[in-house]
Amino acid sequence: MSIPFHVQQPDFETLQEIHRKLNNFQLLFSEIGRRKLGSIEQMAKSQQGNQDLEDW
């Protein structure tokens, strides 16, 4: 599989750095996306709270 980085010397440290780069990600949300994510987080928290009460 091809990776989007040029590797001059594929030693272990370089491969670890590439692994970190490939496994990192960043999400950018619009204002609408932030509102939707907020409502999803609130719903998940309320469901988790209900599970805590039921799981005694």
PDB file of N, CA and C in Angstrom:
ATOM      1  N   MET A   1       0.852  -1.176   0.000  1.00  0.00           N
ATOM      2  CA  MET A   1       0.000   0.000   0.000  1.00  0.00           C
ATOM      3  C   MET A   1       0.895   1.236   0.000  1.00  0.00           C
ATOM      4  N   SER A   2       0.554   2.163  -0.816  1.00  0.00           N
ATOM      5  CA  SER A   2       1.325   3.401  -0.907  1.00  0.00           C
ATOM      6  C   SER A   2       0.903   4.359   0.206  1.00  0.00           C
ATOM      7  N   ILE A   3       1.866   5.085   0.767  1.00  0.00           N
ATOM      8  CA  ILE A   3       1.567   6.086   1.785  1.00  0.00           C
ATOM      9  C   ILE A   3       1.889   7.463   1.217  1.00  0.00           C
ATOM     10  N   PRO A   4       1.240   8.512   1.717  1.00  0.00           N
ATOM     11  CA  PRO A   4       1.443   9.853   1.153  1.00  0.00           C
ATOM     12  C   PRO A   4       2.670  10.580   1.699  1.00  0.00           C
ATOM     13  N   PHE A   5       3.718   9.861   2.030  1.00  0.00           N
ATOM     14  CA  PHE A   5       4.945  10.458   2.554  1.00  0.00           C
ATOM     15  C   PHE A   5       6.134   9.832   1.843  1.00  0.00           C
ATOM     16  N   HIS A   6       7.143  10.648   1.580  1.00  0.00           N
ATOM     17  CA  HIS A   6       8.388  10.108   1.052  1.00  0.00           C
ATOM     18  C   HIS A   6       9.250   9.687   2.235  1.00  0.00           C
ATOM     19  N   VAL A   7       9.800   8.482   2.166  1.00  0.00           N
ATOM     20  CA  VAL A   7      10.630   7.961   3.251  1.00  0.00           C
ATOM     21  C   VAL A   7      12.036   7.756   2.704  1.00  0.00           C
ATOM     22  N   GLN A   8      12.954   8.597   3.152  1.00  0.00           N
ATOM     23  CA  GLN A   8      14.338   8.497   2.697  1.00  0.00           C
ATOM     24  C   GLN A   8      15.003   7.255   3.271  1.00  0.00           C
ATOM     25  N   GLN A   9      14.939   7.120   4.606  1.00  0.00           N
ATOM     26  CA  GLN A   9      15.519   5.968   5.296  1.00  0.00           C
ATOM     27  C   GLN A   9      14.426   5.316   6.133  1.00  0.00           C
ATOM     28  N   PRO A  10      13.959   4.146   5.769  1.00  0.00           N
ATOM     29  CA  PRO A  10      12.869   3.536   6.533  1.00  0.00           C
ATOM     30  C   PRO A  10      13.353   2.826   7.801  1.00  0.00           C
ATOM     31  N   ASP A  11      13.978   3.583   8.705  1.00  0.00           N
ATOM     32  CA  ASP A  11      14.367   2.979   9.975  1.00  0.00           C
ATOM     33  C   ASP A  11      13.164   2.966  10.919  1.00  0.00           C
ATOM     34  N   PHE A  12      13.310   2.321  12.046  1.00  0.00           N
ATOM     35  CA  PHE A  12      12.190   2.108  12.949  1.00  0.00           C
ATOM     36  C   PHE A  12      11.599   3.421  13.455  1.00  0.00           C
ATOM     37  N   GLU A  13      12.432   4.387  13.816  1.00  0.00           N
ATOM     38  CA  GLU A  13      11.947   5.667  14.329  1.00  0.00           C
ATOM     39  C   GLU A  13      11.146   6.403  13.269  1.00  0.00           C
ATOM     40  N   THR A  14      11.630   6.378  12.021  1.00  0.00           N
ATOM     41  CA  THR A  14      10.911   7.035  10.934  1.00  0.00           C
ATOM     42  C   THR A  14       9.566   6.366  10.704  1.00  0.00           C
ATOM     43  N   LEU A  15       9.535   5.053  10.728  1.00  0.00           N
ATOM     44  CA  LEU A  15       8.281   4.338  10.536  1.00  0.00           C
ATOM     45  C   LEU A  15       7.295   4.623  11.672  1.00  0.00           C
ATOM     46  N   GLN A  16       7.798   4.776  12.887  1.00  0.00           N
ATOM     47  CA  GLN A  16       6.918   5.130  14.009  1.00  0.00           C
ATOM     48  C   GLN A  16       6.326   6.529  13.808  1.00  0.00           C
ATOM     49  N   GLU A  17       7.144   7.468  13.333  1.00  0.00           N
ATOM     50  CA  GLU A  17       6.657   8.833  13.079  1.00  0.00           C
ATOM     51  C   GLU A  17       5.597   8.829  11.982  1.00  0.00           C
ATOM     52  N   ILE A  18       5.820   8.075  10.929  1.00  0.00           N
ATOM     53  CA  ILE A  18       4.826   7.976   9.854  1.00  0.00           C
ATOM     54  C   ILE A  18       3.547   7.346  10.377  1.00  0.00           C
ATOM     55  N   HIS A  19       3.675   6.335  11.214  1.00  0.00           N
ATOM     56  CA  HIS A  19       2.503   5.703  11.812  1.00  0.00           C
ATOM     57  C   HIS A  19       1.697   6.716  12.610  1.00  0.00           C
ATOM     58  N   ARG A  20       2.367   7.550  13.398  1.00  0.00           N
ATOM     59  CA  ARG A  20       1.672   8.593  14.169  1.00  0.00           C
ATOM     60  C   ARG A  20       0.958   9.564  13.239  1.00  0.00           C
ATOM     61  N   LYS A  21       1.629   9.983  12.168  1.00  0.00           N
ATOM     62  CA  LYS A  21       1.012  10.927  11.228  1.00  0.00           C
ATOM     63  C   LYS A  21      -0.212  10.321  10.548  1.00  0.00           C
ATOM     64  N   LEU A  22      -0.123   9.070  10.156  1.00  0.00           N
ATOM     65  CA  LEU A  22      -1.236   8.430   9.460  1.00  0.00           C
ATOM     66  C   LEU A  22      -2.424   8.173  10.373  1.00  0.00           C
ATOM     67  N   ASN A  23      -2.180   8.013  11.664  1.00  0.00           N
ATOM     68  CA  ASN A  23      -3.262   7.717  12.591  1.00  0.00           C
ATOM     69  C   ASN A  23      -3.830   8.944  13.292  1.00  0.00           C
ATOM     70  N   ASN A  24      -3.273  10.111  13.048  1.00  0.00           N
ATOM     71  CA  ASN A  24      -3.821  11.342  13.602  1.00  0.00           C
ATOM     72  C   ASN A  24      -4.833  11.905  12.622  1.00  0.00           C
ATOM     73  N   PHE A  25      -5.815  12.575  13.140  1.00  0.00           N
ATOM     74  CA  PHE A  25      -6.784  13.234  12.287  1.00  0.00           C
ATOM     75  C   PHE A  25      -7.304  14.462  13.003  1.00  0.00           C
ATOM     76  N   GLN A  26      -7.907  15.338  12.238  1.00  0.00           N
ATOM     77  CA  GLN A  26      -8.457  16.565  12.789  1.00  0.00           C
ATOM     78  C   GLN A  26      -9.803  16.796  12.134  1.00  0.00           C
ATOM     79  N   LEU A  27     -10.809  17.060  12.935  1.00  0.00           N
ATOM     80  CA  LEU A  27     -12.135  17.335  12.425  1.00  0.00           C
ATOM     81  C   LEU A  27     -12.414  18.819  12.525  1.00  0.00           C
ATOM     82  N   LEU A  28     -12.921  19.379  11.446  1.00  0.00           N
ATOM     83  CA  LEU A  28     -13.328  20.775  11.430  1.00  0.00           C
ATOM     84  C   LEU A  28     -14.839  20.808  11.227  1.00  0.00           C
ATOM     85  N   PHE A  29     -15.547  21.437  12.147  1.00  0.00           N
ATOM     86  CA  PHE A  29     -17.001  21.494  12.083  1.00  0.00           C
ATOM     87  C   PHE A  29     -17.460  22.894  11.732  1.00  0.00           C
ATOM     88  N   SER A  30     -18.493  22.968  10.934  1.00  0.00           N
ATOM     89  CA  SER A  30     -19.160  24.243  10.686  1.00  0.00           C
ATOM     90  C   SER A  30     -20.021  24.555  11.909  1.00  0.00           C
ATOM     91  N   GLU A  31     -20.633  25.711  11.920  1.00  0.00           N
ATOM     92  CA  GLU A  31     -21.495  26.076  13.047  1.00  0.00           C
ATOM     93  C   GLU A  31     -22.665  25.106  13.148  1.00  0.00           C
ATOM     94  N   ILE A  32     -23.231  24.731  12.028  1.00  0.00           N
ATOM     95  CA  ILE A  32     -24.340  23.767  12.024  1.00  0.00           C
ATOM     96  C   ILE A  32     -23.854  22.418  12.550  1.00  0.00           C
ATOM     97  N   GLY A  33     -22.670  22.000  12.137  1.00  0.00           N
ATOM     98  CA  GLY A  33     -22.110  20.740  12.606  1.00  0.00           C
ATOM     99  C   GLY A  33     -21.876  20.747  14.103  1.00  0.00           C
ATOM    100  N   ARG A  34     -21.414  21.878  14.642  1.00  0.00           N
ATOM    101  CA  ARG A  34     -21.203  21.982  16.095  1.00  0.00           C
ATOM    102  C   ARG A  34     -22.522  21.838  16.846  1.00  0.00           C
ATOM    103  N   ARG A  35     -23.574  22.466  16.318  1.00  0.00           N
ATOM    104  CA  ARG A  35     -24.876  22.357  16.978  1.00  0.00           C
ATOM    105  C   ARG A  35     -25.369  20.919  16.943  1.00  0.00           C
ATOM    106  N   LYS A  36     -25.222  20.264  15.801  1.00  0.00           N
ATOM    107  CA  LYS A  36     -25.681  18.877  15.687  1.00  0.00           C
ATOM    108  C   LYS A  36     -24.866  17.969  16.591  1.00  0.00           C
ATOM    109  N   LEU A  37     -23.554  18.161  16.638  1.00  0.00           N
ATOM    110  CA  LEU A  37     -22.709  17.348  17.504  1.00  0.00           C
ATOM    111  C   LEU A  37     -23.074  17.572  18.965  1.00  0.00           C
ATOM    112  N   GLY A  38     -23.366  18.802  19.324  1.00  0.00           N
ATOM    113  CA  GLY A  38     -23.768  19.097  20.697  1.00  0.00           C
ATOM    114  C   GLY A  38     -25.031  18.359  21.078  1.00  0.00           C
ATOM    115  N   SER A  39     -26.003  18.305  20.171  1.00  0.00           N
ATOM    116  CA  SER A  39     -27.245  17.600  20.494  1.00  0.00           C
ATOM    117  C   SER A  39     -27.004  16.097  20.599  1.00  0.00           C
ATOM    118  N   ILE A  40     -26.103  15.553  19.802  1.00  0.00           N
ATOM    119  CA  ILE A  40     -25.772  14.125  19.873  1.00  0.00           C
ATOM    120  C   ILE A  40     -25.078  13.821  21.195  1.00  0.00           C
ATOM    121  N   GLU A  41     -24.148  14.694  21.602  1.00  0.00           N
ATOM    122  CA  GLU A  41     -23.445  14.486  22.876  1.00  0.00           C
ATOM    123  C   GLU A  41     -24.412  14.540  24.045  1.00  0.00           C
ATOM    124  N   GLN A  42     -25.353  15.483  24.004  1.00  0.00           N
ATOM    125  CA  GLN A  42     -26.331  15.587  25.086  1.00  0.00           C
ATOM    126  C   GLN A  42     -27.195  14.331  25.150  1.00  0.00           C
ATOM    127  N   MET A  43     -27.598  13.830  23.988  1.00  0.00           N
ATOM    128  CA  MET A  43     -28.423  12.630  23.947  1.00  0.00           C
ATOM    129  C   MET A  43     -27.647  11.433  24.502  1.00  0.00           C
ATOM    130  N   ALA A  44     -26.370  11.311  24.145  1.00  0.00           N
ATOM    131  CA  ALA A  44     -25.560  10.195  24.634  1.00  0.00           C
ATOM    132  C   ALA A  44     -25.376  10.287  26.146  1.00  0.00           C
ATOM    133  N   LYS A  45     -25.169  11.491  26.665  1.00  0.00           N
ATOM    134  CA  LYS A  45     -25.007  11.654  28.113  1.00  0.00           C
ATOM    135  C   LYS A  45     -26.283  11.292  28.854  1.00  0.00           C
ATOM    136  N   SER A  46     -27.437  11.696  28.299  1.00  0.00           N
ATOM    137  CA  SER A  46     -28.693  11.366  28.979  1.00  0.00           C
ATOM    138  C   SER A  46     -28.947   9.866  28.939  1.00  0.00           C
ATOM    139  N   GLN A  47     -28.598   9.203  27.845  1.00  0.00           N
ATOM    140  CA  GLN A  47     -28.761   7.754  27.762  1.00  0.00           C
ATOM    141  C   GLN A  47     -27.812   7.055  28.720  1.00  0.00           C
ATOM    142  N   GLN A  48     -26.598   7.567  28.848  1.00  0.00           N
ATOM    143  CA  GLN A  48     -25.636   6.967  29.771  1.00  0.00           C
ATOM    144  C   GLN A  48     -26.135   7.129  31.207  1.00  0.00           C
ATOM    145  N   GLY A  49     -26.715   8.264  31.528  1.00  0.00           N
ATOM    146  CA  GLY A  49     -27.266   8.474  32.857  1.00  0.00           C
ATOM    147  C   GLY A  49     -28.394   7.503  33.157  1.00  0.00           C
ATOM    148  N   ASN A  50     -29.226   7.232  32.178  1.00  0.00           N
ATOM    149  CA  ASN A  50     -30.314   6.270  32.362  1.00  0.00           C
ATOM    150  C   ASN A  50     -29.763   4.868  32.557  1.00  0.00           C
ATOM    151  N   GLN A  51     -28.709   4.515  31.851  1.00  0.00           N
ATOM    152  CA  GLN A  51     -28.106   3.194  32.020  1.00  0.00           C
ATOM    153  C   GLN A  51     -27.526   3.043  33.411  1.00  0.00           C
ATOM    154  N   ASP A  52     -26.902   4.100  33.927  1.00  0.00           N
ATOM    155  CA  ASP A  52     -26.338   4.041  35.268  1.00  0.00           C
ATOM    156  C   ASP A  52     -27.432   3.766  36.307  1.00  0.00           C
ATOM    157  N   LEU A  53     -28.599   4.386  36.114  1.00  0.00           N
ATOM    158  CA  LEU A  53     -29.695   4.180  37.058  1.00  0.00           C
ATOM    159  C   LEU A  53     -30.253   2.767  36.953  1.00  0.00           C
ATOM    160  N   GLU A  54     -30.313   2.245  35.730  1.00  0.00           N
ATOM    161  CA  GLU A  54     -30.891   0.926  35.526  1.00  0.00           C
ATOM    162  C   GLU A  54     -29.917  -0.197  35.860  1.00  0.00           C
ATOM    163  N   ASP A  55     -28.634   0.082  35.884  1.00  0.00           N
ATOM    164  CA  ASP A  55     -27.626  -0.953  36.075  1.00  0.00           C
ATOM    165  C   ASP A  55     -27.132  -0.980  37.527  1.00  0.00           C
ATOM    166  N   TRP A  56     -28.027  -1.161  38.458  1.00  0.00           N
ATOM    167  CA  TRP A  56     -27.655  -1.185  39.855  1.00  0.00           C
ATOM    168  C   TRP A  56     -27.668  -2.568  40.318  1.00  0.00           C
TER     169      TRP A  56
END
